[in-house]
Amino acid sequence: MKKIAAILFALLLAVSLLLTILYVECVLPGLMESRFETFAWAPGAYGQLARDITGYLNGKDIVLSYFQPHEQAHMADVRGLVALLMQVLIALWLCVAALGIFLRNKAVSKTIAVTLSSVLVFVLGVIAYAFIDFDGLFILFHKLVFTNDLWLLNSATDYLIQLMPIGFFMAYALSIGLIWLLLMILCILFVRRPHGIFSRFKKAN
């Protein structure tokens, strides 16, 4: 039972860390502004654009009048996903906390570390593939998470795709991936350390 709980804890922790980084990066206006300045090829006051878009995604009552109706509809879909992401994150972290309390001081450090390492290797494989065919993964992601084709924008006429070309999303993916990898390595080192919170303590006789 405790081994299954340890594996589940490690899997949920890995997913929770990844989705938390994704959420945070989605709603940081300064980060989005810097990405606009680097990758956008459409004119605009990028600072205000970034504040409006991240505020809108974070649930604020903002009208994105910069965009055409179909672009606004797509942004409404994205906003719905961000709201769902927050709800999922709350549930995930509650589960992680509950499992962590259940496993506290149990000898499951090795199981957790091995599971985290396995997830790390799998994601490294996905990252390696992304360097080969990021466009393919990007399209697959959109097909999986959206129920319409509003994300298929025209770079010649749609301001949204001019602000956010593929390099914009590649930069986000790289940043999220690197931060997640660093946190995962730290988690593995933490659970494997002697007398960690997932080790069984024995009193000296």
Protein backbone atom coordinates (compact mmCIF):
# COMPACT_ATOMS: atom_id res chain seq x y z
CA MET A 1 0.00 0.00 0.00
CA LYS A 2 2.71 2.46 0.95
CA LYS A 3 4.66 1.69 -2.24
CA ILE A 4 1.63 2.49 -4.40
CA ALA A 5 1.05 5.66 -2.38
CA ALA A 6 4.72 6.63 -2.85
CA ILE A 7 4.53 6.16 -6.63
CA LEU A 8 1.31 8.16 -6.79
CA PHE A 9 2.85 10.88 -4.62
CA ALA A 10 5.85 11.17 -6.95
CA LEU A 11 3.70 11.26 -10.10
CA LEU A 12 1.34 13.89 -8.70
CA LEU A 13 4.27 15.95 -7.42
CA ALA A 14 5.91 15.95 -10.86
CA VAL A 15 2.68 16.96 -12.60
CA SER A 16 1.87 19.58 -9.96
CA LEU A 17 5.27 21.22 -10.35
CA LEU A 18 4.96 21.33 -14.13
CA LEU A 19 1.44 22.76 -14.15
CA THR A 20 2.31 25.31 -11.45
CA ILE A 21 5.20 26.64 -13.52
CA LEU A 22 2.93 26.75 -16.57
CA TYR A 23 0.27 28.71 -14.70
CA VAL A 24 2.71 31.19 -13.19
CA GLU A 25 4.37 31.89 -16.54
CA CYS A 26 0.97 32.40 -18.21
CA VAL A 27 0.01 35.24 -15.87
CA LEU A 28 3.32 37.12 -15.52
CA PRO A 29 2.98 40.36 -17.53
CA GLY A 30 6.69 41.20 -17.40
CA LEU A 31 7.63 37.84 -18.86
CA MET A 32 5.04 38.12 -21.63
CA GLU A 33 6.21 41.65 -22.47
CA SER A 34 9.80 40.47 -22.84
CA ARG A 35 8.65 37.65 -25.14
CA PHE A 36 6.67 40.13 -27.25
CA GLU A 37 9.74 42.32 -27.56
CA THR A 38 11.81 39.34 -28.67
CA PHE A 39 9.43 37.50 -31.00
CA ALA A 40 6.44 39.66 -32.01
CA TRP A 41 6.59 41.23 -35.45
CA ALA A 42 3.42 43.30 -35.06
CA PRO A 43 3.45 46.88 -33.72
CA GLY A 44 1.98 47.68 -30.34
CA ALA A 45 2.50 48.97 -26.83
CA TYR A 46 3.78 45.64 -25.59
CA GLY A 47 3.70 46.53 -21.92
CA GLN A 48 -0.01 47.36 -21.96
CA LEU A 49 -0.76 44.39 -24.21
CA ALA A 50 1.00 42.03 -21.82
CA ARG A 51 -0.80 43.45 -18.80
CA ASP A 52 -4.18 43.21 -20.51
CA ILE A 53 -3.68 39.67 -21.80
CA THR A 54 -2.25 38.23 -18.57
CA GLY A 55 -4.89 40.05 -16.54
CA TYR A 56 -7.60 38.64 -18.81
CA LEU A 57 -6.19 35.12 -18.50
CA ASN A 58 -6.09 35.56 -14.73
CA GLY A 59 -9.83 36.30 -14.65
CA LYS A 60 -9.97 40.09 -14.71
CA ASP A 61 -12.83 41.82 -16.53
CA ILE A 62 -10.82 43.08 -19.51
CA VAL A 63 -12.00 43.40 -23.10
CA LEU A 64 -9.28 42.44 -25.58
CA SER A 65 -10.36 44.94 -28.21
CA TYR A 66 -7.06 44.54 -30.05
CA PHE A 67 -8.29 41.30 -31.57
CA GLN A 68 -10.93 40.28 -34.09
CA PRO A 69 -14.02 38.35 -32.87
CA HIS A 70 -12.60 34.91 -33.72
CA GLU A 71 -9.33 35.80 -31.96
CA GLN A 72 -11.27 36.97 -28.90
CA ALA A 73 -13.21 33.68 -28.95
CA HIS A 74 -9.95 31.75 -28.97
CA MET A 75 -8.62 33.82 -26.08
CA ALA A 76 -11.85 33.07 -24.19
CA ASP A 77 -11.11 29.36 -24.69
CA VAL A 78 -7.57 29.88 -23.36
CA ARG A 79 -8.92 31.81 -20.38
CA GLY A 80 -11.25 28.89 -19.60
CA LEU A 81 -8.31 26.49 -19.69
CA VAL A 82 -6.30 28.71 -17.33
CA ALA A 83 -9.22 28.81 -14.89
CA LEU A 84 -9.53 25.03 -15.11
CA LEU A 85 -5.79 24.73 -14.60
CA MET A 86 -6.04 26.63 -11.32
CA GLN A 87 -8.80 24.32 -10.08
CA VAL A 88 -6.79 21.26 -11.06
CA LEU A 89 -3.72 22.66 -9.30
CA ILE A 90 -5.60 23.15 -6.05
CA ALA A 91 -6.84 19.54 -6.17
CA LEU A 92 -3.40 18.19 -7.10
CA TRP A 93 -1.53 20.01 -4.34
CA LEU A 94 -4.13 18.90 -1.77
CA CYS A 95 -3.57 15.31 -2.88
CA VAL A 96 0.22 15.76 -2.75
CA ALA A 97 -0.04 17.19 0.77
CA ALA A 98 -2.33 14.37 1.95
CA LEU A 99 -0.06 11.68 0.51
CA GLY A 100 3.00 13.43 1.95
CA ILE A 101 1.45 13.36 5.42
CA PHE A 102 0.50 9.68 5.00
CA LEU A 103 4.03 8.74 3.89
CA ARG A 104 5.88 10.88 6.42
CA ASN A 105 8.67 8.95 8.15
CA LYS A 106 7.98 5.83 6.10
CA ALA A 107 10.83 4.13 4.26
CA VAL A 108 9.72 5.07 0.75
CA SER A 109 12.48 7.48 -0.29
CA LYS A 110 13.91 5.07 -2.87
CA THR A 111 10.50 4.43 -4.47
CA ILE A 112 9.77 8.15 -4.72
CA ALA A 113 13.22 8.92 -6.12
CA VAL A 114 13.01 6.12 -8.71
CA THR A 115 9.55 7.26 -9.82
CA LEU A 116 10.65 10.89 -10.08
CA SER A 117 13.73 9.80 -12.03
CA SER A 118 11.59 7.74 -14.42
CA VAL A 119 9.32 10.72 -15.06
CA LEU A 120 12.39 12.89 -15.57
CA VAL A 121 13.81 10.51 -18.19
CA PHE A 122 10.47 10.34 -20.01
CA VAL A 123 10.12 14.12 -20.14
CA LEU A 124 13.73 14.48 -21.29
CA GLY A 125 12.74 12.26 -24.19
CA VAL A 126 9.77 14.51 -24.98
CA ILE A 127 12.03 17.56 -24.80
CA ALA A 128 14.52 15.94 -27.15
CA TYR A 129 11.71 15.20 -29.61
CA ALA A 130 10.47 18.80 -29.28
CA PHE A 131 13.81 20.03 -30.59
CA ILE A 132 13.19 17.86 -33.67
CA ASP A 133 9.50 18.60 -34.27
CA PHE A 134 8.17 21.34 -31.99
CA ASP A 135 5.53 22.26 -34.57
CA GLY A 136 4.14 18.73 -34.49
CA LEU A 137 3.88 18.70 -30.70
CA PHE A 138 2.38 22.19 -30.74
CA ILE A 139 -0.34 21.11 -33.17
CA LEU A 140 -1.01 17.91 -31.22
CA PHE A 141 -1.38 19.90 -27.99
CA HIS A 142 -3.96 22.21 -29.58
CA LYS A 143 -5.92 19.32 -31.03
CA LEU A 144 -6.04 17.65 -27.62
CA VAL A 145 -7.06 20.65 -25.50
CA PHE A 146 -9.33 22.64 -27.84
CA THR A 147 -12.69 21.47 -29.17
CA ASN A 148 -12.72 23.88 -32.13
CA ASP A 149 -10.34 25.18 -34.80
CA LEU A 150 -10.23 28.81 -33.65
CA TRP A 151 -6.54 28.32 -32.90
CA LEU A 152 -5.86 28.04 -36.64
CA LEU A 153 -4.96 31.68 -37.25
CA ASN A 154 -3.75 33.51 -40.34
CA SER A 155 -0.39 35.21 -39.84
CA ALA A 156 -1.18 37.69 -42.62
CA THR A 157 -4.38 39.01 -41.04
CA ASP A 158 -4.60 37.95 -37.38
CA TYR A 159 -2.90 40.19 -34.83
CA LEU A 160 -2.79 37.43 -32.21
CA ILE A 161 -0.48 35.19 -34.21
CA GLN A 162 1.63 38.18 -35.20
CA LEU A 163 2.15 38.86 -31.49
CA MET A 164 2.72 35.20 -30.69
CA PRO A 165 4.57 33.38 -33.49
CA ILE A 166 5.96 29.90 -32.92
CA GLY A 167 9.20 31.24 -31.40
CA PHE A 168 7.12 32.92 -28.67
CA PHE A 169 5.75 29.55 -27.57
CA MET A 170 9.08 27.79 -27.97
CA ALA A 171 10.61 30.27 -25.51
CA TYR A 172 7.84 29.57 -23.00
CA ALA A 173 8.22 25.81 -23.44
CA LEU A 174 12.00 26.01 -22.95
CA SER A 175 11.69 28.17 -19.84
CA ILE A 176 9.00 25.95 -18.29
CA GLY A 177 10.97 22.81 -19.11
CA LEU A 178 14.25 24.05 -17.66
CA ILE A 179 12.66 25.26 -14.41
CA TRP A 180 10.77 21.98 -14.05
CA LEU A 181 13.90 19.92 -14.66
CA LEU A 182 15.80 21.88 -12.02
CA LEU A 183 13.00 21.45 -9.46
CA MET A 184 12.73 17.74 -10.22
CA ILE A 185 16.46 17.23 -9.69
CA LEU A 186 16.25 19.11 -6.39
CA CYS A 187 13.29 16.96 -5.31
CA ILE A 188 15.18 13.75 -6.14
CA LEU A 189 18.22 14.92 -4.19
CA PHE A 190 16.01 15.95 -1.27
CA VAL A 191 14.15 12.65 -0.90
CA ARG A 192 17.36 10.62 -1.24
CA ARG A 193 19.23 12.50 1.47
CA PRO A 194 19.87 10.60 4.71
CA HIS A 195 17.19 11.01 7.38
CA GLY A 196 14.83 12.75 4.96
CA ILE A 197 11.14 13.12 5.74
CA PHE A 198 10.40 9.86 3.90
CA SER A 199 12.87 7.80 5.89
CA ARG A 200 11.93 5.69 8.90
CA PHE A 201 13.59 6.94 12.07
CA LYS A 202 14.75 4.43 14.61
CA LYS A 203 15.45 5.32 18.20
CA ALA A 204 18.74 4.13 19.62
CA ASN A 205 18.35 1.60 22.39
